[in-house]
Amino acid sequence: MAAVELVLLQRVEKLGQMGDVVRVKPGYARNYLLAQRKAIRASKENLAQFETQRAQLEAQNLKRREEAERVAERVGGLSVVIIRQAGESGSLYGSVSARDIAEACTEKGLTIDRQQVVLGHPIKTLGLAQVRVVLHPEVSIPVTVNVARSPEEAERQARGERVGQEEAPEAEAEAAELFDPGAAPEPQA
């Protein structure tokens, strides 16, 4: 399959800057870059049109980036709490998705889409997790996601306590009482 040449209309992470001519696979071009209006095909007419509009596009990009930087300064260090059911070991019944994080951020005053939340992997355990929210292709902020079973547990986790670990020493003490140390199992007849 032949690669497709495109001109980027904005910065695309791990691909290039605005105005770069890039070669990508046809599916990526058709399904993402062209569909999201992040690029145009690199024909002579499109290149000429891009060059005439370049100053205008760069000015719009600069304005959007400055707005994103102001928002990033205002909500820097954002932390959200998500309440979920979990087992005794701390593993969730399900996972926390980008949509859940976007809704929690919106409740805290930062209106974002789920596409702006970058999750390295789904959150499947209780505790604190760092995710990245992309406000602009060149501006992103870290958001702390506190996944807990209750608001009280979330407060304890935020203070740095290890939740769910308190029961472990008691269980070990009970097990030690039940078994004699160094005793071998009795042979069965």
C-alpha atoms as a PDB file:
ATOM      1  CA  MET A   1       0.000   0.000   0.000  1.00  0.00           C
ATOM      2  CA  ALA A   2       1.398   3.363  -0.990  1.00  0.00           C
ATOM      3  CA  ALA A   3       1.749   6.124   1.569  1.00  0.00           C
ATOM      4  CA  VAL A   4      -0.330   9.294   1.241  1.00  0.00           C
ATOM      5  CA  GLU A   5       1.255  12.751   1.328  1.00  0.00           C
ATOM      6  CA  LEU A   6      -0.505  15.346   3.465  1.00  0.00           C
ATOM      7  CA  VAL A   7       0.104  18.914   4.636  1.00  0.00           C
ATOM      8  CA  LEU A   8      -0.527  19.340   8.374  1.00  0.00           C
ATOM      9  CA  LEU A   9      -2.858  22.196   9.322  1.00  0.00           C
ATOM     10  CA  GLN A  10      -1.876  21.951  13.015  1.00  0.00           C
ATOM     11  CA  ARG A  11       0.699  20.247  15.171  1.00  0.00           C
ATOM     12  CA  VAL A  12       0.087  16.508  15.469  1.00  0.00           C
ATOM     13  CA  GLU A  13       1.905  14.714  18.272  1.00  0.00           C
ATOM     14  CA  LYS A  14       4.601  12.291  17.079  1.00  0.00           C
ATOM     15  CA  LEU A  15       4.035  13.356  13.453  1.00  0.00           C
ATOM     16  CA  GLY A  16       4.947  16.977  12.787  1.00  0.00           C
ATOM     17  CA  GLN A  17       4.310  20.718  13.004  1.00  0.00           C
ATOM     18  CA  MET A  18       1.893  22.933  11.088  1.00  0.00           C
ATOM     19  CA  GLY A  19       2.917  23.166   7.425  1.00  0.00           C
ATOM     20  CA  ASP A  20       4.972  19.968   7.372  1.00  0.00           C
ATOM     21  CA  VAL A  21       4.432  17.622   4.427  1.00  0.00           C
ATOM     22  CA  VAL A  22       4.201  14.100   5.857  1.00  0.00           C
ATOM     23  CA  ARG A  23       3.748  10.614   4.445  1.00  0.00           C
ATOM     24  CA  VAL A  24       1.281   8.407   6.313  1.00  0.00           C
ATOM     25  CA  LYS A  25      -0.698   5.240   5.698  1.00  0.00           C
ATOM     26  CA  PRO A  26      -3.966   5.740   3.789  1.00  0.00           C
ATOM     27  CA  GLY A  27      -6.187   4.590   6.663  1.00  0.00           C
ATOM     28  CA  TYR A  28      -4.623   7.015   9.158  1.00  0.00           C
ATOM     29  CA  ALA A  29      -4.958   9.825   6.621  1.00  0.00           C
ATOM     30  CA  ARG A  30      -8.558   9.052   5.690  1.00  0.00           C
ATOM     31  CA  ASN A  31      -9.939   8.074   9.103  1.00  0.00           C
ATOM     32  CA  TYR A  32      -8.146  10.528  11.374  1.00  0.00           C
ATOM     33  CA  LEU A  33      -6.137  13.368   9.850  1.00  0.00           C
ATOM     34  CA  LEU A  34      -8.524  14.283   7.027  1.00  0.00           C
ATOM     35  CA  ALA A  35     -11.691  13.491   9.010  1.00  0.00           C
ATOM     36  CA  GLN A  36     -10.564  15.682  11.954  1.00  0.00           C
ATOM     37  CA  ARG A  37      -9.447  18.452   9.560  1.00  0.00           C
ATOM     38  CA  LYS A  38      -5.895  18.268  10.890  1.00  0.00           C
ATOM     39  CA  ALA A  39      -4.418  17.926   7.384  1.00  0.00           C
ATOM     40  CA  ILE A  40      -5.140  18.321   3.683  1.00  0.00           C
ATOM     41  CA  ARG A  41      -3.864  16.321   0.719  1.00  0.00           C
ATOM     42  CA  ALA A  42      -0.518  17.579  -0.605  1.00  0.00           C
ATOM     43  CA  SER A  43      -1.529  18.534  -4.149  1.00  0.00           C
ATOM     44  CA  LYS A  44      -0.146  21.587  -5.960  1.00  0.00           C
ATOM     45  CA  GLU A  45      -3.438  23.468  -5.544  1.00  0.00           C
ATOM     46  CA  ASN A  46      -3.710  22.643  -1.823  1.00  0.00           C
ATOM     47  CA  LEU A  47      -0.071  23.617  -1.200  1.00  0.00           C
ATOM     48  CA  ALA A  48      -0.617  26.973  -2.913  1.00  0.00           C
ATOM     49  CA  GLN A  49      -3.846  27.551  -0.960  1.00  0.00           C
ATOM     50  CA  PHE A  50      -2.098  26.622   2.309  1.00  0.00           C
ATOM     51  CA  GLU A  51       0.751  29.064   1.638  1.00  0.00           C
ATOM     52  CA  THR A  52      -1.728  31.925   1.053  1.00  0.00           C
ATOM     53  CA  GLN A  53      -3.559  31.115   4.303  1.00  0.00           C
ATOM     54  CA  ARG A  54      -0.478  30.209   6.342  1.00  0.00           C
ATOM     55  CA  ALA A  55      -0.183  33.540   8.198  1.00  0.00           C
ATOM     56  CA  GLN A  56      -3.874  33.461   9.104  1.00  0.00           C
ATOM     57  CA  LEU A  57      -3.688  29.826  10.287  1.00  0.00           C
ATOM     58  CA  GLU A  58      -0.574  30.530  12.368  1.00  0.00           C
ATOM     59  CA  ALA A  59      -2.261  33.552  13.978  1.00  0.00           C
ATOM     60  CA  GLN A  60      -5.339  31.467  14.855  1.00  0.00           C
ATOM     61  CA  ASN A  61      -3.104  28.716  16.240  1.00  0.00           C
ATOM     62  CA  LEU A  62      -1.146  31.221  18.353  1.00  0.00           C
ATOM     63  CA  LYS A  63      -4.374  32.711  19.742  1.00  0.00           C
ATOM     64  CA  ARG A  64      -5.775  29.272  20.661  1.00  0.00           C
ATOM     65  CA  ARG A  65      -2.447  28.287  22.266  1.00  0.00           C
ATOM     66  CA  GLU A  66      -2.375  31.448  24.404  1.00  0.00           C
ATOM     67  CA  GLU A  67      -5.948  30.774  25.563  1.00  0.00           C
ATOM     68  CA  ALA A  68      -4.988  27.197  26.423  1.00  0.00           C
ATOM     69  CA  GLU A  69      -1.938  28.413  28.370  1.00  0.00           C
ATOM     70  CA  ARG A  70      -4.114  30.810  30.395  1.00  0.00           C
ATOM     71  CA  VAL A  71      -6.535  27.991  31.206  1.00  0.00           C
ATOM     72  CA  ALA A  72      -3.593  25.737  32.152  1.00  0.00           C
ATOM     73  CA  GLU A  73      -2.258  28.371  34.577  1.00  0.00           C
ATOM     74  CA  ARG A  74      -5.707  28.840  36.110  1.00  0.00           C
ATOM     75  CA  VAL A  75      -6.429  25.147  36.719  1.00  0.00           C
ATOM     76  CA  GLY A  76      -2.870  23.923  37.306  1.00  0.00           C
ATOM     77  CA  GLY A  77      -2.695  21.034  39.753  1.00  0.00           C
ATOM     78  CA  LEU A  78      -6.306  19.961  39.189  1.00  0.00           C
ATOM     79  CA  SER A  79      -7.355  16.901  41.153  1.00  0.00           C
ATOM     80  CA  VAL A  80     -10.618  14.997  40.632  1.00  0.00           C
ATOM     81  CA  VAL A  81     -12.273  12.283  42.730  1.00  0.00           C
ATOM     82  CA  ILE A  82     -14.057   9.351  41.116  1.00  0.00           C
ATOM     83  CA  ILE A  83     -16.071   7.004  43.343  1.00  0.00           C
ATOM     84  CA  ARG A  84     -16.222   3.372  42.181  1.00  0.00           C
ATOM     85  CA  GLN A  85     -16.983  -0.034  43.655  1.00  0.00           C
ATOM     86  CA  ALA A  86     -13.972  -2.263  44.225  1.00  0.00           C
ATOM     87  CA  GLY A  87     -13.027  -5.579  45.737  1.00  0.00           C
ATOM     88  CA  GLU A  88     -11.076  -6.052  48.952  1.00  0.00           C
ATOM     89  CA  SER A  89      -7.800  -6.194  47.036  1.00  0.00           C
ATOM     90  CA  GLY A  90      -8.431  -2.727  45.584  1.00  0.00           C
ATOM     91  CA  SER A  91      -9.204  -3.815  42.029  1.00  0.00           C
ATOM     92  CA  LEU A  92     -12.187  -2.097  40.448  1.00  0.00           C
ATOM     93  CA  TYR A  93     -15.281  -3.813  39.100  1.00  0.00           C
ATOM     94  CA  GLY A  94     -14.672  -2.322  35.653  1.00  0.00           C
ATOM     95  CA  SER A  95     -12.346   0.587  34.923  1.00  0.00           C
ATOM     96  CA  VAL A  96     -12.182   4.376  34.880  1.00  0.00           C
ATOM     97  CA  SER A  97     -12.390   5.654  31.311  1.00  0.00           C
ATOM     98  CA  ALA A  98     -11.461   8.916  29.622  1.00  0.00           C
ATOM     99  CA  ARG A  99     -15.160   9.836  29.576  1.00  0.00           C
ATOM    100  CA  ASP A 100     -15.372   9.474  33.387  1.00  0.00           C
ATOM    101  CA  ILE A 101     -12.332  11.710  33.830  1.00  0.00           C
ATOM    102  CA  ALA A 102     -13.692  14.317  31.390  1.00  0.00           C
ATOM    103  CA  GLU A 103     -17.019  14.437  33.278  1.00  0.00           C
ATOM    104  CA  ALA A 104     -15.228  14.800  36.631  1.00  0.00           C
ATOM    105  CA  CYS A 105     -13.065  17.631  35.230  1.00  0.00           C
ATOM    106  CA  THR A 106     -16.178  19.389  33.881  1.00  0.00           C
ATOM    107  CA  GLU A 107     -17.745  19.233  37.354  1.00  0.00           C
ATOM    108  CA  LYS A 108     -14.578  20.891  38.738  1.00  0.00           C
ATOM    109  CA  GLY A 109     -14.853  23.746  36.217  1.00  0.00           C
ATOM    110  CA  LEU A 110     -12.581  22.586  33.366  1.00  0.00           C
ATOM    111  CA  THR A 111     -14.786  21.855  30.347  1.00  0.00           C
ATOM    112  CA  ILE A 112     -13.065  19.233  28.207  1.00  0.00           C
ATOM    113  CA  ASP A 113     -13.927  16.398  25.818  1.00  0.00           C
ATOM    114  CA  ARG A 114     -13.031  12.786  26.400  1.00  0.00           C
ATOM    115  CA  GLN A 115     -10.734  12.970  23.351  1.00  0.00           C
ATOM    116  CA  GLN A 116      -8.574  15.468  25.254  1.00  0.00           C
ATOM    117  CA  VAL A 117      -7.827  12.979  28.047  1.00  0.00           C
ATOM    118  CA  VAL A 118      -4.695  10.905  27.357  1.00  0.00           C
ATOM    119  CA  LEU A 119      -4.737   7.622  29.289  1.00  0.00           C
ATOM    120  CA  GLY A 120      -1.653   5.440  28.970  1.00  0.00           C
ATOM    121  CA  HIS A 121      -3.690   2.467  30.171  1.00  0.00           C
ATOM    122  CA  PRO A 122      -7.128   2.092  31.764  1.00  0.00           C
ATOM    123  CA  ILE A 123      -7.305   2.747  35.500  1.00  0.00           C
ATOM    124  CA  LYS A 124      -8.369  -0.533  37.137  1.00  0.00           C
ATOM    125  CA  THR A 125      -7.282  -0.093  40.764  1.00  0.00           C
ATOM    126  CA  LEU A 126      -8.021   2.217  43.657  1.00  0.00           C
ATOM    127  CA  GLY A 127      -5.555   4.990  44.348  1.00  0.00           C
ATOM    128  CA  LEU A 128      -4.066   8.078  42.753  1.00  0.00           C
ATOM    129  CA  ALA A 129      -3.230   8.186  39.039  1.00  0.00           C
ATOM    130  CA  GLN A 130      -1.752  10.917  36.856  1.00  0.00           C
ATOM    131  CA  VAL A 131      -3.349  11.538  33.453  1.00  0.00           C
ATOM    132  CA  ARG A 132      -2.615  14.161  30.836  1.00  0.00           C
ATOM    133  CA  VAL A 133      -5.270  16.530  29.472  1.00  0.00           C
ATOM    134  CA  VAL A 134      -4.418  18.105  26.120  1.00  0.00           C
ATOM    135  CA  LEU A 135      -5.904  21.611  25.951  1.00  0.00           C
ATOM    136  CA  HIS A 136      -4.129  22.425  22.670  1.00  0.00           C
ATOM    137  CA  PRO A 137      -1.719  20.367  20.536  1.00  0.00           C
ATOM    138  CA  GLU A 138       1.137  22.279  22.203  1.00  0.00           C
ATOM    139  CA  VAL A 139      -0.331  22.681  25.733  1.00  0.00           C
ATOM    140  CA  SER A 140      -1.201  19.883  28.146  1.00  0.00           C
ATOM    141  CA  ILE A 141      -1.727  19.740  31.903  1.00  0.00           C
ATOM    142  CA  PRO A 142      -1.406  16.886  34.409  1.00  0.00           C
ATOM    143  CA  VAL A 143      -4.557  15.936  36.306  1.00  0.00           C
ATOM    144  CA  THR A 144      -4.528  13.769  39.421  1.00  0.00           C
ATOM    145  CA  VAL A 145      -7.340  11.204  39.436  1.00  0.00           C
ATOM    146  CA  ASN A 146      -8.240   9.903  42.895  1.00  0.00           C
ATOM    147  CA  VAL A 147     -10.209   6.636  42.543  1.00  0.00           C
ATOM    148  CA  ALA A 148     -11.823   5.567  45.812  1.00  0.00           C
ATOM    149  CA  ARG A 149     -14.801   3.657  47.239  1.00  0.00           C
ATOM    150  CA  SER A 150     -16.109   6.624  49.253  1.00  0.00           C
ATOM    151  CA  PRO A 151     -15.436  10.355  49.696  1.00  0.00           C
ATOM    152  CA  GLU A 152     -13.834   9.637  53.094  1.00  0.00           C
ATOM    153  CA  GLU A 153     -11.469   7.110  51.534  1.00  0.00           C
ATOM    154  CA  ALA A 154     -10.619   9.638  48.799  1.00  0.00           C
ATOM    155  CA  GLU A 155      -9.672  12.214  51.454  1.00  0.00           C
ATOM    156  CA  ARG A 156      -7.412   9.688  53.181  1.00  0.00           C
ATOM    157  CA  GLN A 157      -5.742   8.803  49.871  1.00  0.00           C
ATOM    158  CA  ALA A 158      -5.224  12.493  49.079  1.00  0.00           C
ATOM    159  CA  ARG A 159      -3.412  12.897  52.429  1.00  0.00           C
ATOM    160  CA  GLY A 160      -1.075  10.078  51.414  1.00  0.00           C
ATOM    161  CA  GLU A 161      -2.465   7.219  53.499  1.00  0.00           C
ATOM    162  CA  ARG A 162      -2.483   3.752  51.978  1.00  0.00           C
ATOM    163  CA  VAL A 163      -6.109   2.685  51.913  1.00  0.00           C
ATOM    164  CA  GLY A 164      -6.942  -1.015  51.997  1.00  0.00           C
ATOM    165  CA  GLN A 165      -3.599  -1.895  53.595  1.00  0.00           C
ATOM    166  CA  GLU A 166      -4.795  -1.497  57.203  1.00  0.00           C
ATOM    167  CA  GLU A 167      -6.530  -4.868  57.240  1.00  0.00           C
ATOM    168  CA  ALA A 168      -3.443  -6.774  56.036  1.00  0.00           C
ATOM    169  CA  PRO A 169      -1.457  -6.757  59.342  1.00  0.00           C
ATOM    170  CA  GLU A 170      -4.556  -7.941  61.261  1.00  0.00           C
ATOM    171  CA  ALA A 171      -5.075 -10.811  58.807  1.00  0.00           C
ATOM    172  CA  GLU A 172      -1.416 -11.836  59.113  1.00  0.00           C
ATOM    173  CA  ALA A 173      -1.679 -11.806  62.932  1.00  0.00           C
ATOM    174  CA  GLU A 174      -4.796 -14.006  62.802  1.00  0.00           C
ATOM    175  CA  ALA A 175      -3.058 -16.451  60.468  1.00  0.00           C
ATOM    176  CA  ALA A 176      -0.007 -16.593  62.774  1.00  0.00           C
ATOM    177  CA  GLU A 177      -2.250 -17.523  65.724  1.00  0.00           C
ATOM    178  CA  LEU A 178      -3.860 -20.374  63.779  1.00  0.00           C
ATOM    179  CA  PHE A 179      -0.635 -22.045  62.736  1.00  0.00           C
ATOM    180  CA  ASP A 180       2.373 -23.073  64.820  1.00  0.00           C
ATOM    181  CA  PRO A 181       5.592 -21.797  63.305  1.00  0.00           C
ATOM    182  CA  GLY A 182       7.812 -24.621  62.077  1.00  0.00           C
ATOM    183  CA  ALA A 183       5.149 -27.273  62.509  1.00  0.00           C
ATOM    184  CA  ALA A 184       4.935 -29.801  59.704  1.00  0.00           C
ATOM    185  CA  PRO A 185       1.602 -30.964  58.375  1.00  0.00           C
ATOM    186  CA  GLU A 186       0.272 -34.130  59.972  1.00  0.00           C
ATOM    187  CA  PRO A 187       0.538 -37.212  57.762  1.00  0.00           C
ATOM    188  CA  GLN A 188      -2.786 -38.599  56.658  1.00  0.00           C
ATOM    189  CA  ALA A 189      -3.443 -42.319  57.096  1.00  0.00           C
END
